[in-house]
Amino acid sequence: LAAEAVDPQDVETLEDLIVVALNDALTKVDETAQSRMGRLTGGM
């Protein structure tokens, strides 16, 4: 977390940003896994 992301008066925004970052990471995980495993399974 960058310092500017932390506002003690607005915890809800930080919570939302963490959810967005987690979902972004999960999307990248899925794309990476599909790419690597897809090469082995021929897309099945």
All heavy atoms as atom14 arrays in JSON, in Angstrom:
{
  "sequence": "LAAEAVDPQDVETLEDLIVVALNDALTKVDETAQSRMGRLTGGM",
  "atom14_mask": [
    [1, 1, 1, 1, 1, 1, 1, 1, 0, 0, 0, 0, 0, 0],
    [1, 1, 1, 1, 1, 0, 0, 0, 0, 0, 0, 0, 0, 0],
    [1, 1, 1, 1, 1, 0, 0, 0, 0, 0, 0, 0, 0, 0],
    [1, 1, 1, 1, 1, 1, 1, 1, 1, 0, 0, 0, 0, 0],
    [1, 1, 1, 1, 1, 0, 0, 0, 0, 0, 0, 0, 0, 0],
    [1, 1, 1, 1, 1, 1, 1, 0, 0, 0, 0, 0, 0, 0],
    [1, 1, 1, 1, 1, 1, 1, 1, 0, 0, 0, 0, 0, 0],
    [1, 1, 1, 1, 1, 1, 1, 0, 0, 0, 0, 0, 0, 0],
    [1, 1, 1, 1, 1, 1, 1, 1, 1, 0, 0, 0, 0, 0],
    [1, 1, 1, 1, 1, 1, 1, 1, 0, 0, 0, 0, 0, 0],
    [1, 1, 1, 1, 1, 1, 1, 0, 0, 0, 0, 0, 0, 0],
    [1, 1, 1, 1, 1, 1, 1, 1, 1, 0, 0, 0, 0, 0],
    [1, 1, 1, 1, 1, 1, 1, 0, 0, 0, 0, 0, 0, 0],
    [1, 1, 1, 1, 1, 1, 1, 1, 0, 0, 0, 0, 0, 0],
    [1, 1, 1, 1, 1, 1, 1, 1, 1, 0, 0, 0, 0, 0],
    [1, 1, 1, 1, 1, 1, 1, 1, 0, 0, 0, 0, 0, 0],
    [1, 1, 1, 1, 1, 1, 1, 1, 0, 0, 0, 0, 0, 0],
    [1, 1, 1, 1, 1, 1, 1, 1, 0, 0, 0, 0, 0, 0],
    [1, 1, 1, 1, 1, 1, 1, 0, 0, 0, 0, 0, 0, 0],
    [1, 1, 1, 1, 1, 1, 1, 0, 0, 0, 0, 0, 0, 0],
    [1, 1, 1, 1, 1, 0, 0, 0, 0, 0, 0, 0, 0, 0],
    [1, 1, 1, 1, 1, 1, 1, 1, 0, 0, 0, 0, 0, 0],
    [1, 1, 1, 1, 1, 1, 1, 1, 0, 0, 0, 0, 0, 0],
    [1, 1, 1, 1, 1, 1, 1, 1, 0, 0, 0, 0, 0, 0],
    [1, 1, 1, 1, 1, 0, 0, 0, 0, 0, 0, 0, 0, 0],
    [1, 1, 1, 1, 1, 1, 1, 1, 0, 0, 0, 0, 0, 0],
    [1, 1, 1, 1, 1, 1, 1, 0, 0, 0, 0, 0, 0, 0],
    [1, 1, 1, 1, 1, 1, 1, 1, 1, 0, 0, 0, 0, 0],
    [1, 1, 1, 1, 1, 1, 1, 0, 0, 0, 0, 0, 0, 0],
    [1, 1, 1, 1, 1, 1, 1, 1, 0, 0, 0, 0, 0, 0],
    [1, 1, 1, 1, 1, 1, 1, 1, 1, 0, 0, 0, 0, 0],
    [1, 1, 1, 1, 1, 1, 1, 0, 0, 0, 0, 0, 0, 0],
    [1, 1, 1, 1, 1, 0, 0, 0, 0, 0, 0, 0, 0, 0],
    [1, 1, 1, 1, 1, 1, 1, 1, 1, 0, 0, 0, 0, 0],
    [1, 1, 1, 1, 1, 1, 0, 0, 0, 0, 0, 0, 0, 0],
    [1, 1, 1, 1, 1, 1, 1, 1, 1, 1, 1, 0, 0, 0],
    [1, 1, 1, 1, 1, 1, 1, 1, 0, 0, 0, 0, 0, 0],
    [1, 1, 1, 1, 0, 0, 0, 0, 0, 0, 0, 0, 0, 0],
    [1, 1, 1, 1, 1, 1, 1, 1, 1, 1, 1, 0, 0, 0],
    [1, 1, 1, 1, 1, 1, 1, 1, 0, 0, 0, 0, 0, 0],
    [1, 1, 1, 1, 1, 1, 1, 0, 0, 0, 0, 0, 0, 0],
    [1, 1, 1, 1, 0, 0, 0, 0, 0, 0, 0, 0, 0, 0],
    [1, 1, 1, 1, 0, 0, 0, 0, 0, 0, 0, 0, 0, 0],
    [1, 1, 1, 1, 1, 1, 1, 1, 0, 0, 0, 0, 0, 0]
  ],
  "atom14_positions": [
    [[0.85, -1.19, 0.0], [0.0, 0.0, 0.0], [0.88, 1.24, 0.0], [1.73, 1.39, 0.88], [-0.89, 0.03, 1.25], [-1.74, -1.22, 1.52], [-2.43, -1.09, 2.88], [-2.75, -1.42, 0.42], [0.0, 0.0, 0.0], [0.0, 0.0, 0.0], [0.0, 0.0, 0.0], [0.0, 0.0, 0.0], [0.0, 0.0, 0.0], [0.0, 0.0, 0.0]],
    [[0.67, 2.11, -0.96], [1.37, 3.4, -0.95], [0.73, 4.27, 0.13], [-0.46, 4.14, 0.43], [1.26, 4.07, -2.31], [0.0, 0.0, 0.0], [0.0, 0.0, 0.0], [0.0, 0.0, 0.0], [0.0, 0.0, 0.0], [0.0, 0.0, 0.0], [0.0, 0.0, 0.0], [0.0, 0.0, 0.0], [0.0, 0.0, 0.0], [0.0, 0.0, 0.0]],
    [[1.52, 5.14, 0.71], [1.03, 5.99, 1.8], [-0.22, 6.76, 1.4], [-1.16, 6.9, 2.19], [2.13, 6.94, 2.26], [0.0, 0.0, 0.0], [0.0, 0.0, 0.0], [0.0, 0.0, 0.0], [0.0, 0.0, 0.0], [0.0, 0.0, 0.0], [0.0, 0.0, 0.0], [0.0, 0.0, 0.0], [0.0, 0.0, 0.0], [0.0, 0.0, 0.0]],
    [[-0.26, 7.23, 0.15], [-1.42, 8.03, -0.28], [-2.71, 7.21, -0.41], [-3.79, 7.76, -0.5], [-1.13, 8.78, -1.58], [-0.82, 7.91, -2.76], [0.67, 7.67, -2.98], [1.47, 7.8, -2.03], [1.03, 7.33, -4.11], [0.0, 0.0, 0.0], [0.0, 0.0, 0.0], [0.0, 0.0, 0.0], [0.0, 0.0, 0.0], [0.0, 0.0, 0.0]],
    [[-2.58, 5.89, -0.39], [-3.77, 5.03, -0.46], [-4.41, 4.85, 0.91], [-5.55, 4.41, 1.0], [-3.4, 3.66, -1.03], [0.0, 0.0, 0.0], [0.0, 0.0, 0.0], [0.0, 0.0, 0.0], [0.0, 0.0, 0.0], [0.0, 0.0, 0.0], [0.0, 0.0, 0.0], [0.0, 0.0, 0.0], [0.0, 0.0, 0.0], [0.0, 0.0, 0.0]],
    [[-3.7, 5.24, 1.96], [-4.18, 5.01, 3.33], [-4.7, 6.33, 3.91], [-3.95, 7.24, 4.2], [-3.05, 4.45, 4.23], [-3.58, 4.19, 5.63], [-2.46, 3.2, 3.61], [0.0, 0.0, 0.0], [0.0, 0.0, 0.0], [0.0, 0.0, 0.0], [0.0, 0.0, 0.0], [0.0, 0.0, 0.0], [0.0, 0.0, 0.0], [0.0, 0.0, 0.0]],
    [[-6.02, 6.38, 4.04], [-6.69, 7.53, 4.66], [-7.53, 7.0, 5.81], [-8.56, 6.35, 5.58], [-7.56, 8.25, 3.63], [-8.3, 9.45, 4.22], [-8.22, 9.68, 5.45], [-8.97, 10.15, 3.44], [0.0, 0.0, 0.0], [0.0, 0.0, 0.0], [0.0, 0.0, 0.0], [0.0, 0.0, 0.0], [0.0, 0.0, 0.0], [0.0, 0.0, 0.0]],
    [[-7.12, 7.24, 7.05], [-7.87, 6.71, 8.2], [-9.34, 7.14, 8.21], [-10.17, 6.46, 8.79], [-7.13, 7.29, 9.42], [-5.8, 7.67, 8.91], [-5.96, 8.0, 7.46], [0.0, 0.0, 0.0], [0.0, 0.0, 0.0], [0.0, 0.0, 0.0], [0.0, 0.0, 0.0], [0.0, 0.0, 0.0], [0.0, 0.0, 0.0], [0.0, 0.0, 0.0]],
    [[-9.64, 8.23, 7.54], [-11.03, 8.71, 7.49], [-11.84, 8.02, 6.39], [-13.05, 8.21, 6.3], [-11.04, 10.23, 7.24], [-10.28, 11.03, 8.27], [-10.8, 10.81, 9.68], [-12.01, 10.82, 9.91], [-9.91, 10.58, 10.64], [0.0, 0.0, 0.0], [0.0, 0.0, 0.0], [0.0, 0.0, 0.0], [0.0, 0.0, 0.0], [0.0, 0.0, 0.0]],
    [[-11.16, 7.22, 5.53], [-11.85, 6.6, 4.39], [-11.35, 5.16, 4.19], [-10.76, 4.83, 3.16], [-11.64, 7.43, 3.13], [-12.47, 6.94, 1.96], [-13.36, 6.09, 2.16], [-12.23, 7.41, 0.84], [0.0, 0.0, 0.0], [0.0, 0.0, 0.0], [0.0, 0.0, 0.0], [0.0, 0.0, 0.0], [0.0, 0.0, 0.0], [0.0, 0.0, 0.0]],
    [[-11.58, 4.33, 5.17], [-11.13, 2.94, 5.12], [-11.85, 2.17, 4.02], [-11.27, 1.29, 3.37], [-11.33, 2.26, 6.5], [-11.02, 0.78, 6.44], [-10.46, 2.95, 7.54], [0.0, 0.0, 0.0], [0.0, 0.0, 0.0], [0.0, 0.0, 0.0], [0.0, 0.0, 0.0], [0.0, 0.0, 0.0], [0.0, 0.0, 0.0], [0.0, 0.0, 0.0]],
    [[-13.1, 2.51, 3.76], [-13.89, 1.8, 2.74], [-13.24, 1.88, 1.36], [-13.24, 0.89, 0.63], [-15.31, 2.34, 2.69], [-16.14, 1.94, 3.9], [-17.55, 2.51, 3.85], [-17.95, 3.07, 2.82], [-18.24, 2.36, 4.86], [0.0, 0.0, 0.0], [0.0, 0.0, 0.0], [0.0, 0.0, 0.0], [0.0, 0.0, 0.0], [0.0, 0.0, 0.0]],
    [[-12.7, 3.01, 1.0], [-12.05, 3.13, -0.31], [-10.83, 2.22, -0.38], [-10.62, 1.55, -1.39], [-11.66, 4.6, -0.59], [-12.85, 5.37, -0.67], [-10.89, 4.73, -1.89], [0.0, 0.0, 0.0], [0.0, 0.0, 0.0], [0.0, 0.0, 0.0], [0.0, 0.0, 0.0], [0.0, 0.0, 0.0], [0.0, 0.0, 0.0], [0.0, 0.0, 0.0]],
    [[-10.05, 2.17, 0.67], [-8.89, 1.29, 0.7], [-9.32, -0.17, 0.57], [-8.73, -0.94, -0.18], [-8.07, 1.5, 1.97], [-6.85, 0.6, 2.14], [-5.89, 0.74, 0.95], [-6.14, 0.92, 3.44], [0.0, 0.0, 0.0], [0.0, 0.0, 0.0], [0.0, 0.0, 0.0], [0.0, 0.0, 0.0], [0.0, 0.0, 0.0], [0.0, 0.0, 0.0]],
    [[-10.37, -0.55, 1.28], [-10.88, -1.91, 1.18], [-11.29, -2.22, -0.27], [-10.98, -3.3, -0.8], [-12.07, -2.11, 2.12], [-11.69, -2.08, 3.58], [-12.89, -2.02, 4.52], [-14.0, -1.65, 4.08], [-12.7, -2.32, 5.71], [0.0, 0.0, 0.0], [0.0, 0.0, 0.0], [0.0, 0.0, 0.0], [0.0, 0.0, 0.0], [0.0, 0.0, 0.0]],
    [[-11.98, -1.28, -0.91], [-12.39, -1.47, -2.3], [-11.18, -1.61, -3.22], [-11.18, -2.44, -4.14], [-13.26, -0.3, -2.77], [-14.63, -0.26, -2.11], [-15.05, -1.29, -1.53], [-15.27, 0.81, -2.16], [0.0, 0.0, 0.0], [0.0, 0.0, 0.0], [0.0, 0.0, 0.0], [0.0, 0.0, 0.0], [0.0, 0.0, 0.0], [0.0, 0.0, 0.0]],
    [[-10.15, -0.81, -3.0], [-8.95, -0.88, -3.82], [-8.24, -2.22, -3.66], [-7.71, -2.78, -4.63], [-8.0, 0.27, -3.51], [-8.48, 1.67, -3.92], [-7.51, 2.74, -3.41], [-8.66, 1.76, -5.42], [0.0, 0.0, 0.0], [0.0, 0.0, 0.0], [0.0, 0.0, 0.0], [0.0, 0.0, 0.0], [0.0, 0.0, 0.0], [0.0, 0.0, 0.0]],
    [[-8.23, -2.76, -2.46], [-7.61, -4.07, -2.22], [-8.39, -5.14, -2.98], [-7.8, -6.02, -3.61], [-7.52, -4.38, -0.71], [-6.51, -3.43, -0.05], [-7.13, -5.84, -0.48], [-6.51, -3.48, 1.47], [0.0, 0.0, 0.0], [0.0, 0.0, 0.0], [0.0, 0.0, 0.0], [0.0, 0.0, 0.0], [0.0, 0.0, 0.0], [0.0, 0.0, 0.0]],
    [[-9.71, -5.05, -2.96], [-10.53, -6.01, -3.71], [-10.23, -5.91, -5.21], [-10.06, -6.93, -5.88], [-12.04, -5.78, -3.42], [-12.9, -6.59, -4.39], [-12.36, -6.15, -1.99], [0.0, 0.0, 0.0], [0.0, 0.0, 0.0], [0.0, 0.0, 0.0], [0.0, 0.0, 0.0], [0.0, 0.0, 0.0], [0.0, 0.0, 0.0], [0.0, 0.0, 0.0]],
    [[-10.14, -4.7, -5.73], [-9.83, -4.51, -7.15], [-8.47, -5.1, -7.49], [-8.31, -5.8, -8.5], [-9.89, -3.01, -7.53], [-9.32, -2.76, -8.92], [-11.32, -2.49, -7.45], [0.0, 0.0, 0.0], [0.0, 0.0, 0.0], [0.0, 0.0, 0.0], [0.0, 0.0, 0.0], [0.0, 0.0, 0.0], [0.0, 0.0, 0.0], [0.0, 0.0, 0.0]],
    [[-7.47, -4.85, -6.65], [-6.13, -5.37, -6.9], [-6.11, -6.9, -6.83], [-5.46, -7.56, -7.65], [-5.13, -4.78, -5.9], [0.0, 0.0, 0.0], [0.0, 0.0, 0.0], [0.0, 0.0, 0.0], [0.0, 0.0, 0.0], [0.0, 0.0, 0.0], [0.0, 0.0, 0.0], [0.0, 0.0, 0.0], [0.0, 0.0, 0.0], [0.0, 0.0, 0.0]],
    [[-6.83, -7.48, -5.87], [-6.91, -8.95, -5.78], [-7.58, -9.53, -7.02], [-7.1, -10.52, -7.59], [-7.69, -9.36, -4.53], [-6.9, -9.37, -3.23], [-7.84, -9.45, -2.04], [-5.91, -10.51, -3.21], [0.0, 0.0, 0.0], [0.0, 0.0, 0.0], [0.0, 0.0, 0.0], [0.0, 0.0, 0.0], [0.0, 0.0, 0.0], [0.0, 0.0, 0.0]],
    [[-8.67, -8.94, -7.45], [-9.35, -9.44, -8.64], [-8.49, -9.28, -9.89], [-8.5, -10.15, -10.77], [-10.71, -8.75, -8.81], [-11.72, -9.27, -7.82], [-11.67, -10.41, -7.39], [-12.65, -8.41, -7.42], [0.0, 0.0, 0.0], [0.0, 0.0, 0.0], [0.0, 0.0, 0.0], [0.0, 0.0, 0.0], [0.0, 0.0, 0.0], [0.0, 0.0, 0.0]],
    [[-7.72, -8.21, -9.97], [-6.79, -8.02, -11.09], [-5.74, -9.12, -11.08], [-5.43, -9.71, -12.12], [-6.15, -6.63, -11.0], [-5.28, -6.31, -12.2], [-5.67, -6.63, -13.35], [-4.2, -5.71, -12.0], [0.0, 0.0, 0.0], [0.0, 0.0, 0.0], [0.0, 0.0, 0.0], [0.0, 0.0, 0.0], [0.0, 0.0, 0.0], [0.0, 0.0, 0.0]],
    [[-5.21, -9.43, -9.9], [-4.22, -10.5, -9.8], [-4.83, -11.84, -10.18], [-4.21, -12.64, -10.9], [-3.64, -10.56, -8.38], [0.0, 0.0, 0.0], [0.0, 0.0, 0.0], [0.0, 0.0, 0.0], [0.0, 0.0, 0.0], [0.0, 0.0, 0.0], [0.0, 0.0, 0.0], [0.0, 0.0, 0.0], [0.0, 0.0, 0.0], [0.0, 0.0, 0.0]],
    [[-6.04, -12.12, -9.73], [-6.71, -13.38, -10.07], [-6.94, -13.52, -11.57], [-6.78, -14.6, -12.13], [-8.03, -13.51, -9.31], [-7.9, -13.82, -7.82], [-9.24, -13.64, -7.12], [-7.36, -15.23, -7.61], [0.0, 0.0, 0.0], [0.0, 0.0, 0.0], [0.0, 0.0, 0.0], [0.0, 0.0, 0.0], [0.0, 0.0, 0.0], [0.0, 0.0, 0.0]],
    [[-7.3, -12.43, -12.21], [-7.47, -12.45, -13.67], [-6.16, -12.8, -14.34], [-6.11, -13.63, -15.26], [-7.99, -11.09, -14.17], [-9.28, -10.85, -13.6], [-8.09, -11.05, -15.68], [0.0, 0.0, 0.0], [0.0, 0.0, 0.0], [0.0, 0.0, 0.0], [0.0, 0.0, 0.0], [0.0, 0.0, 0.0], [0.0, 0.0, 0.0], [0.0, 0.0, 0.0]],
    [[-5.07, -12.21, -13.88], [-3.75, -12.5, -14.45], [-3.33, -13.94, -14.19], [-2.72, -14.59, -15.04], [-2.71, -11.52, -13.92], [-2.93, -10.11, -14.46], [-1.96, -9.11, -13.87], [-2.24, -7.73, -14.43], [-1.36, -6.71, -13.85], [0.0, 0.0, 0.0], [0.0, 0.0, 0.0], [0.0, 0.0, 0.0], [0.0, 0.0, 0.0], [0.0, 0.0, 0.0]],
    [[-3.65, -14.45, -13.01], [-3.37, -15.86, -12.68], [-4.1, -16.77, -13.67], [-3.51, -17.68, -14.24], [-3.79, -16.19, -11.23], [-3.9, -17.68, -11.0], [-2.8, -15.59, -10.24], [0.0, 0.0, 0.0], [0.0, 0.0, 0.0], [0.0, 0.0, 0.0], [0.0, 0.0, 0.0], [0.0, 0.0, 0.0], [0.0, 0.0, 0.0], [0.0, 0.0, 0.0]],
    [[-5.39, -16.51, -13.86], [-6.18, -17.34, -14.76], [-5.65, -17.28, -16.19], [-5.54, -18.31, -16.86], [-7.65, -16.93, -14.74], [-8.34, -17.27, -13.43], [-7.81, -18.11, -12.66], [-9.42, -16.71, -13.17], [0.0, 0.0, 0.0], [0.0, 0.0, 0.0], [0.0, 0.0, 0.0], [0.0, 0.0, 0.0], [0.0, 0.0, 0.0], [0.0, 0.0, 0.0]],
    [[-5.3, -16.09, -16.66], [-4.76, -15.95, -18.02], [-3.45, -16.7, -18.17], [-3.22, -17.38, -19.17], [-4.57, -14.47, -18.36], [-5.87, -13.72, -18.53], [-5.69, -12.21, -18.61], [-4.56, -11.7, -18.39], [-6.69, -11.52, -18.87], [0.0, 0.0, 0.0], [0.0, 0.0, 0.0], [0.0, 0.0, 0.0], [0.0, 0.0, 0.0], [0.0, 0.0, 0.0]],
    [[-2.59, -16.6, -17.17], [-1.3, -17.27, -17.22], [-1.48, -18.79, -17.21], [-0.87, -19.51, -17.99], [-0.41, -16.83, -16.03], [-0.24, -15.41, -16.09], [0.95, -17.5, -16.08], [0.0, 0.0, 0.0], [0.0, 0.0, 0.0], [0.0, 0.0, 0.0], [0.0, 0.0, 0.0], [0.0, 0.0, 0.0], [0.0, 0.0, 0.0], [0.0, 0.0, 0.0]],
    [[-2.36, -19.27, -16.32], [-2.6, -20.71, -16.23], [-3.21, -21.25, -17.52], [-2.79, -22.3, -18.01], [-3.51, -21.02, -15.04], [0.0, 0.0, 0.0], [0.0, 0.0, 0.0], [0.0, 0.0, 0.0], [0.0, 0.0, 0.0], [0.0, 0.0, 0.0], [0.0, 0.0, 0.0], [0.0, 0.0, 0.0], [0.0, 0.0, 0.0], [0.0, 0.0, 0.0]],
    [[-4.18, -20.55, -18.07], [-4.8, -21.01, -19.3], [-3.8, -21.04, -20.44], [-3.79, -21.97, -21.25], [-5.99, -20.12, -19.66], [-7.19, -20.35, -18.77], [-8.34, -19.44, -19.1], [-8.3, -18.65, -20.02], [-9.41, -19.55, -18.31], [0.0, 0.0, 0.0], [0.0, 0.0, 0.0], [0.0, 0.0, 0.0], [0.0, 0.0, 0.0], [0.0, 0.0, 0.0]],
    [[-2.94, -20.05, -20.49], [-1.93, -20.01, -21.54], [-0.96, -21.18, -21.44], [-0.7, -21.89, -22.42], [-1.16, -18.69, -21.46], [-0.07, -18.69, -22.33], [0.0, 0.0, 0.0], [0.0, 0.0, 0.0], [0.0, 0.0, 0.0], [0.0, 0.0, 0.0], [0.0, 0.0, 0.0], [0.0, 0.0, 0.0], [0.0, 0.0, 0.0], [0.0, 0.0, 0.0]],
    [[-0.45, -21.41, -20.25], [0.54, -22.48, -20.08], [-0.07, -23.87, -20.18], [0.49, -24.75, -20.82], [1.26, -22.33, -18.75], [2.14, -21.1, -18.75], [3.12, -21.1, -17.64], [3.84, -19.84, -17.66], [4.63, -19.44, -16.7], [4.81, -20.19, -15.65], [5.25, -18.29, -16.79], [0.0, 0.0, 0.0], [0.0, 0.0, 0.0], [0.0, 0.0, 0.0]],
    [[-1.2, -24.07, -19.55], [-1.82, -25.4, -19.58], [-2.46, -25.66, -20.94], [-2.5, -26.8, -21.39], [-2.86, -25.53, -18.46], [-2.25, -25.43, -17.07], [-0.9, -26.58, -16.75], [-1.83, -27.97, -16.2], [0.0, 0.0, 0.0], [0.0, 0.0, 0.0], [0.0, 0.0, 0.0], [0.0, 0.0, 0.0], [0.0, 0.0, 0.0], [0.0, 0.0, 0.0]],
    [[-2.94, -24.61, -21.59], [-3.56, -24.77, -22.9], [-2.58, -25.31, -23.93], [-2.96, -26.05, -24.84], [0.0, 0.0, 0.0], [0.0, 0.0, 0.0], [0.0, 0.0, 0.0], [0.0, 0.0, 0.0], [0.0, 0.0, 0.0], [0.0, 0.0, 0.0], [0.0, 0.0, 0.0], [0.0, 0.0, 0.0], [0.0, 0.0, 0.0], [0.0, 0.0, 0.0]],
    [[-1.32, -24.96, -23.78], [-0.3, -25.49, -24.69], [-0.19, -27.0, -24.57], [0.09, -27.69, -25.54], [1.06, -24.85, -24.41], [1.19, -23.45, -24.97], [2.59, -22.91, -24.77], [2.47, -21.82, -23.8], [3.34, -21.52, -22.88], [4.43, -22.2, -22.74], [3.13, -20.51, -22.07], [0.0, 0.0, 0.0], [0.0, 0.0, 0.0], [0.0, 0.0, 0.0]],
    [[-0.39, -27.51, -23.35], [-0.27, -28.95, -23.13], [-1.53, -29.71, -23.51], [-1.46, -30.85, -23.96], [0.04, -29.23, -21.65], [1.39, -28.75, -21.15], [1.5, -28.99, -19.66], [2.52, -29.47, -21.88], [0.0, 0.0, 0.0], [0.0, 0.0, 0.0], [0.0, 0.0, 0.0], [0.0, 0.0, 0.0], [0.0, 0.0, 0.0], [0.0, 0.0, 0.0]],
    [[-2.67, -29.07, -23.33], [-3.94, -29.77, -23.56], [-4.51, -29.51, -24.93], [-5.58, -30.02, -25.26], [-4.98, -29.37, -22.49], [-5.25, -27.97, -22.63], [-4.51, -29.7, -21.09], [0.0, 0.0, 0.0], [0.0, 0.0, 0.0], [0.0, 0.0, 0.0], [0.0, 0.0, 0.0], [0.0, 0.0, 0.0], [0.0, 0.0, 0.0], [0.0, 0.0, 0.0]],
    [[-3.83, -28.68, -25.72], [-4.34, -28.36, -27.04], [-5.64, -27.57, -26.98], [-6.44, -27.63, -27.89], [0.0, 0.0, 0.0], [0.0, 0.0, 0.0], [0.0, 0.0, 0.0], [0.0, 0.0, 0.0], [0.0, 0.0, 0.0], [0.0, 0.0, 0.0], [0.0, 0.0, 0.0], [0.0, 0.0, 0.0], [0.0, 0.0, 0.0], [0.0, 0.0, 0.0]],
    [[-5.84, -26.85, -25.9], [-7.03, -26.03, -25.76], [-8.22, -26.75, -25.15], [-9.26, -26.14, -24.91], [0.0, 0.0, 0.0], [0.0, 0.0, 0.0], [0.0, 0.0, 0.0], [0.0, 0.0, 0.0], [0.0, 0.0, 0.0], [0.0, 0.0, 0.0], [0.0, 0.0, 0.0], [0.0, 0.0, 0.0], [0.0, 0.0, 0.0], [0.0, 0.0, 0.0]],
    [[-8.09, -28.05, -24.88], [-9.2, -28.78, -24.26], [-9.36, -28.32, -22.83], [-8.39, -28.07, -22.13], [-8.92, -30.3, -24.25], [-8.86, -30.94, -25.59], [-8.65, -32.73, -25.48], [-7.27, -32.95, -24.36], [0.0, 0.0, 0.0], [0.0, 0.0, 0.0], [0.0, 0.0, 0.0], [0.0, 0.0, 0.0], [0.0, 0.0, 0.0], [0.0, 0.0, 0.0]]
  ]
}
